[in-house]
Amino acid sequence: MVLSSLAALAEPTRLEAMRLLEDGSEHCVCELMARLDATQSRMSRHMKVLKQAGLVTDRRDAQWVRYRLNPDMPAGIRAIVAAALAASADGERSAA
C-alpha cells in the first residue's frame, strides 16, 4: 500500500487534489476540475488512481461523485500524505 500511495502522490494533479481534499469536506469532480484546470475524463482518471491507492473514498450523489480523504487511511499512510503535501508546499514557497 505504501508504494501505491507514493506512486499516486507522485503526479502533480493528484497531489493538488489531495491538498484540496485535506480540508476534510467532500468535493465533487466538477469542483476539482475547475480548481485544477482539468477535463472531466482526466480528473476522473486521477481520482480513480487515488481511490485504488486507498487515499480517497467516493460517494455517488445523483449524477455527482463526491470525494473525500479516506477516513480509514492507516496512520503511516496519512503521515506520508502529510509529508508529501508539506514538501510540495515548501517547494512552491521556495520557487516563488
C-alpha atoms as a PDB file:
ATOM      1  CA  MET A   1       0.000   0.000   0.000  1.00  0.00           C
ATOM      2  CA  VAL A   2       2.907   2.368   0.666  1.00  0.00           C
ATOM      3  CA  LEU A   3       4.245   2.038  -2.887  1.00  0.00           C
ATOM      4  CA  SER A   4       0.833   2.589  -4.481  1.00  0.00           C
ATOM      5  CA  SER A   5       0.317   5.633  -2.242  1.00  0.00           C
ATOM      6  CA  LEU A   6       3.666   7.102  -3.223  1.00  0.00           C
ATOM      7  CA  ALA A   7       3.013   6.416  -6.900  1.00  0.00           C
ATOM      8  CA  ALA A   8      -0.408   8.058  -6.654  1.00  0.00           C
ATOM      9  CA  LEU A   9       1.052  11.145  -4.969  1.00  0.00           C
ATOM     10  CA  ALA A  10       3.884  11.465  -7.497  1.00  0.00           C
ATOM     11  CA  GLU A  11       1.600  13.055 -10.111  1.00  0.00           C
ATOM     12  CA  PRO A  12       1.129  16.836  -9.560  1.00  0.00           C
ATOM     13  CA  THR A  13      -2.618  16.936 -10.317  1.00  0.00           C
ATOM     14  CA  ARG A  14      -3.312  14.101  -7.884  1.00  0.00           C
ATOM     15  CA  LEU A  15      -1.173  15.750  -5.221  1.00  0.00           C
ATOM     16  CA  GLU A  16      -3.096  19.004  -5.664  1.00  0.00           C
ATOM     17  CA  ALA A  17      -6.400  17.111  -5.492  1.00  0.00           C
ATOM     18  CA  MET A  18      -5.244  15.678  -2.164  1.00  0.00           C
ATOM     19  CA  ARG A  19      -4.402  19.202  -0.998  1.00  0.00           C
ATOM     20  CA  LEU A  20      -7.955  20.318  -1.809  1.00  0.00           C
ATOM     21  CA  LEU A  21      -9.448  17.309  -0.021  1.00  0.00           C
ATOM     22  CA  GLU A  22      -7.268  17.989   3.008  1.00  0.00           C
ATOM     23  CA  ASP A  23      -9.917  20.414   4.297  1.00  0.00           C
ATOM     24  CA  GLY A  24     -11.948  17.376   5.402  1.00  0.00           C
ATOM     25  CA  SER A  25     -15.039  18.031   3.328  1.00  0.00           C
ATOM     26  CA  GLU A  26     -16.379  16.304   0.235  1.00  0.00           C
ATOM     27  CA  HIS A  27     -15.651  17.720  -3.194  1.00  0.00           C
ATOM     28  CA  CYS A  28     -17.351  16.796  -6.454  1.00  0.00           C
ATOM     29  CA  VAL A  29     -15.379  16.076  -9.596  1.00  0.00           C
ATOM     30  CA  CYS A  30     -16.731  19.269 -11.189  1.00  0.00           C
ATOM     31  CA  GLU A  31     -15.238  21.360  -8.379  1.00  0.00           C
ATOM     32  CA  LEU A  32     -11.892  19.575  -8.591  1.00  0.00           C
ATOM     33  CA  MET A  33     -11.906  20.056 -12.380  1.00  0.00           C
ATOM     34  CA  ALA A  34     -12.453  23.794 -12.041  1.00  0.00           C
ATOM     35  CA  ARG A  35      -9.880  24.281  -9.285  1.00  0.00           C
ATOM     36  CA  LEU A  36      -7.214  22.167 -11.020  1.00  0.00           C
ATOM     37  CA  ASP A  37      -7.976  23.163 -14.617  1.00  0.00           C
ATOM     38  CA  ALA A  38      -8.537  19.560 -15.714  1.00  0.00           C
ATOM     39  CA  THR A  39     -11.035  17.910 -18.028  1.00  0.00           C
ATOM     40  CA  GLN A  40     -13.712  15.630 -16.590  1.00  0.00           C
ATOM     41  CA  SER A  41     -12.159  12.470 -18.001  1.00  0.00           C
ATOM     42  CA  ARG A  42      -8.666  13.413 -16.797  1.00  0.00           C
ATOM     43  CA  MET A  43      -9.892  14.308 -13.306  1.00  0.00           C
ATOM     44  CA  SER A  44     -11.918  11.101 -13.052  1.00  0.00           C
ATOM     45  CA  ARG A  45      -8.864   9.033 -14.016  1.00  0.00           C
ATOM     46  CA  HIS A  46      -6.757  10.788 -11.376  1.00  0.00           C
ATOM     47  CA  MET A  47      -9.396  10.239  -8.712  1.00  0.00           C
ATOM     48  CA  LYS A  48      -9.642   6.564  -9.677  1.00  0.00           C
ATOM     49  CA  VAL A  49      -5.900   6.177  -9.046  1.00  0.00           C
ATOM     50  CA  LEU A  50      -6.219   7.879  -5.647  1.00  0.00           C
ATOM     51  CA  LYS A  51      -9.163   5.650  -4.761  1.00  0.00           C
ATOM     52  CA  GLN A  52      -7.334   2.473  -5.829  1.00  0.00           C
ATOM     53  CA  ALA A  53      -4.394   3.538  -3.640  1.00  0.00           C
ATOM     54  CA  GLY A  54      -6.792   3.816  -0.688  1.00  0.00           C
ATOM     55  CA  LEU A  55      -6.238   7.542  -0.255  1.00  0.00           C
ATOM     56  CA  VAL A  56      -9.780   8.719  -1.017  1.00  0.00           C
ATOM     57  CA  THR A  57     -13.319   7.412  -0.872  1.00  0.00           C
ATOM     58  CA  ASP A  58     -16.215   8.378  -3.073  1.00  0.00           C
ATOM     59  CA  ARG A  59     -19.944   8.717  -2.703  1.00  0.00           C
ATOM     60  CA  ARG A  60     -22.448   8.930  -5.503  1.00  0.00           C
ATOM     61  CA  ASP A  61     -24.966  11.747  -5.083  1.00  0.00           C
ATOM     62  CA  ALA A  62     -27.430  11.577  -8.018  1.00  0.00           C
ATOM     63  CA  GLN A  63     -25.289  12.375 -11.077  1.00  0.00           C
ATOM     64  CA  TRP A  64     -22.380  13.678  -8.978  1.00  0.00           C
ATOM     65  CA  VAL A  65     -19.499  11.747  -7.479  1.00  0.00           C
ATOM     66  CA  ARG A  66     -18.117  13.315  -4.327  1.00  0.00           C
ATOM     67  CA  TYR A  67     -14.660  12.532  -2.983  1.00  0.00           C
ATOM     68  CA  ARG A  68     -13.055  12.926   0.416  1.00  0.00           C
ATOM     69  CA  LEU A  69      -9.932  11.680   2.131  1.00  0.00           C
ATOM     70  CA  ASN A  70     -10.279   8.096   3.260  1.00  0.00           C
ATOM     71  CA  PRO A  71     -11.170   8.292   6.969  1.00  0.00           C
ATOM     72  CA  ASP A  72      -9.839   4.748   7.420  1.00  0.00           C
ATOM     73  CA  MET A  73      -6.429   5.572   5.959  1.00  0.00           C
ATOM     74  CA  PRO A  74      -3.722   3.955   8.133  1.00  0.00           C
ATOM     75  CA  ALA A  75      -1.755   6.394  10.281  1.00  0.00           C
ATOM     76  CA  GLY A  76       1.507   5.630   8.443  1.00  0.00           C
ATOM     77  CA  ILE A  77      -0.051   6.385   5.058  1.00  0.00           C
ATOM     78  CA  ARG A  78      -1.659   9.539   6.456  1.00  0.00           C
ATOM     79  CA  ALA A  79       1.819  10.628   7.608  1.00  0.00           C
ATOM     80  CA  ILE A  80       3.200  10.004   4.101  1.00  0.00           C
ATOM     81  CA  VAL A  81       0.394  12.101   2.593  1.00  0.00           C
ATOM     82  CA  ALA A  82       1.049  14.916   5.073  1.00  0.00           C
ATOM     83  CA  ALA A  83       4.783  14.814   4.327  1.00  0.00           C
ATOM     84  CA  ALA A  84       4.192  14.883   0.554  1.00  0.00           C
ATOM     85  CA  LEU A  85       1.827  17.841   0.871  1.00  0.00           C
ATOM     86  CA  ALA A  86       4.238  19.691   3.155  1.00  0.00           C
ATOM     87  CA  ALA A  87       7.201  19.042   0.848  1.00  0.00           C
ATOM     88  CA  SER A  88       5.173  20.219  -2.134  1.00  0.00           C
ATOM     89  CA  ALA A  89       4.139  23.402  -0.320  1.00  0.00           C
ATOM     90  CA  ASP A  90       7.758  24.040   0.734  1.00  0.00           C
ATOM     91  CA  GLY A  91       8.882  23.625  -2.879  1.00  0.00           C
ATOM     92  CA  GLU A  92       6.283  26.115  -4.081  1.00  0.00           C
ATOM     93  CA  ARG A  93       7.311  28.678  -1.476  1.00  0.00           C
ATOM     94  CA  SER A  94      10.997  28.437  -2.355  1.00  0.00           C
ATOM     95  CA  ALA A  95      10.220  28.723  -6.075  1.00  0.00           C
ATOM     96  CA  ALA A  96       8.264  31.934  -5.502  1.00  0.00           C
END
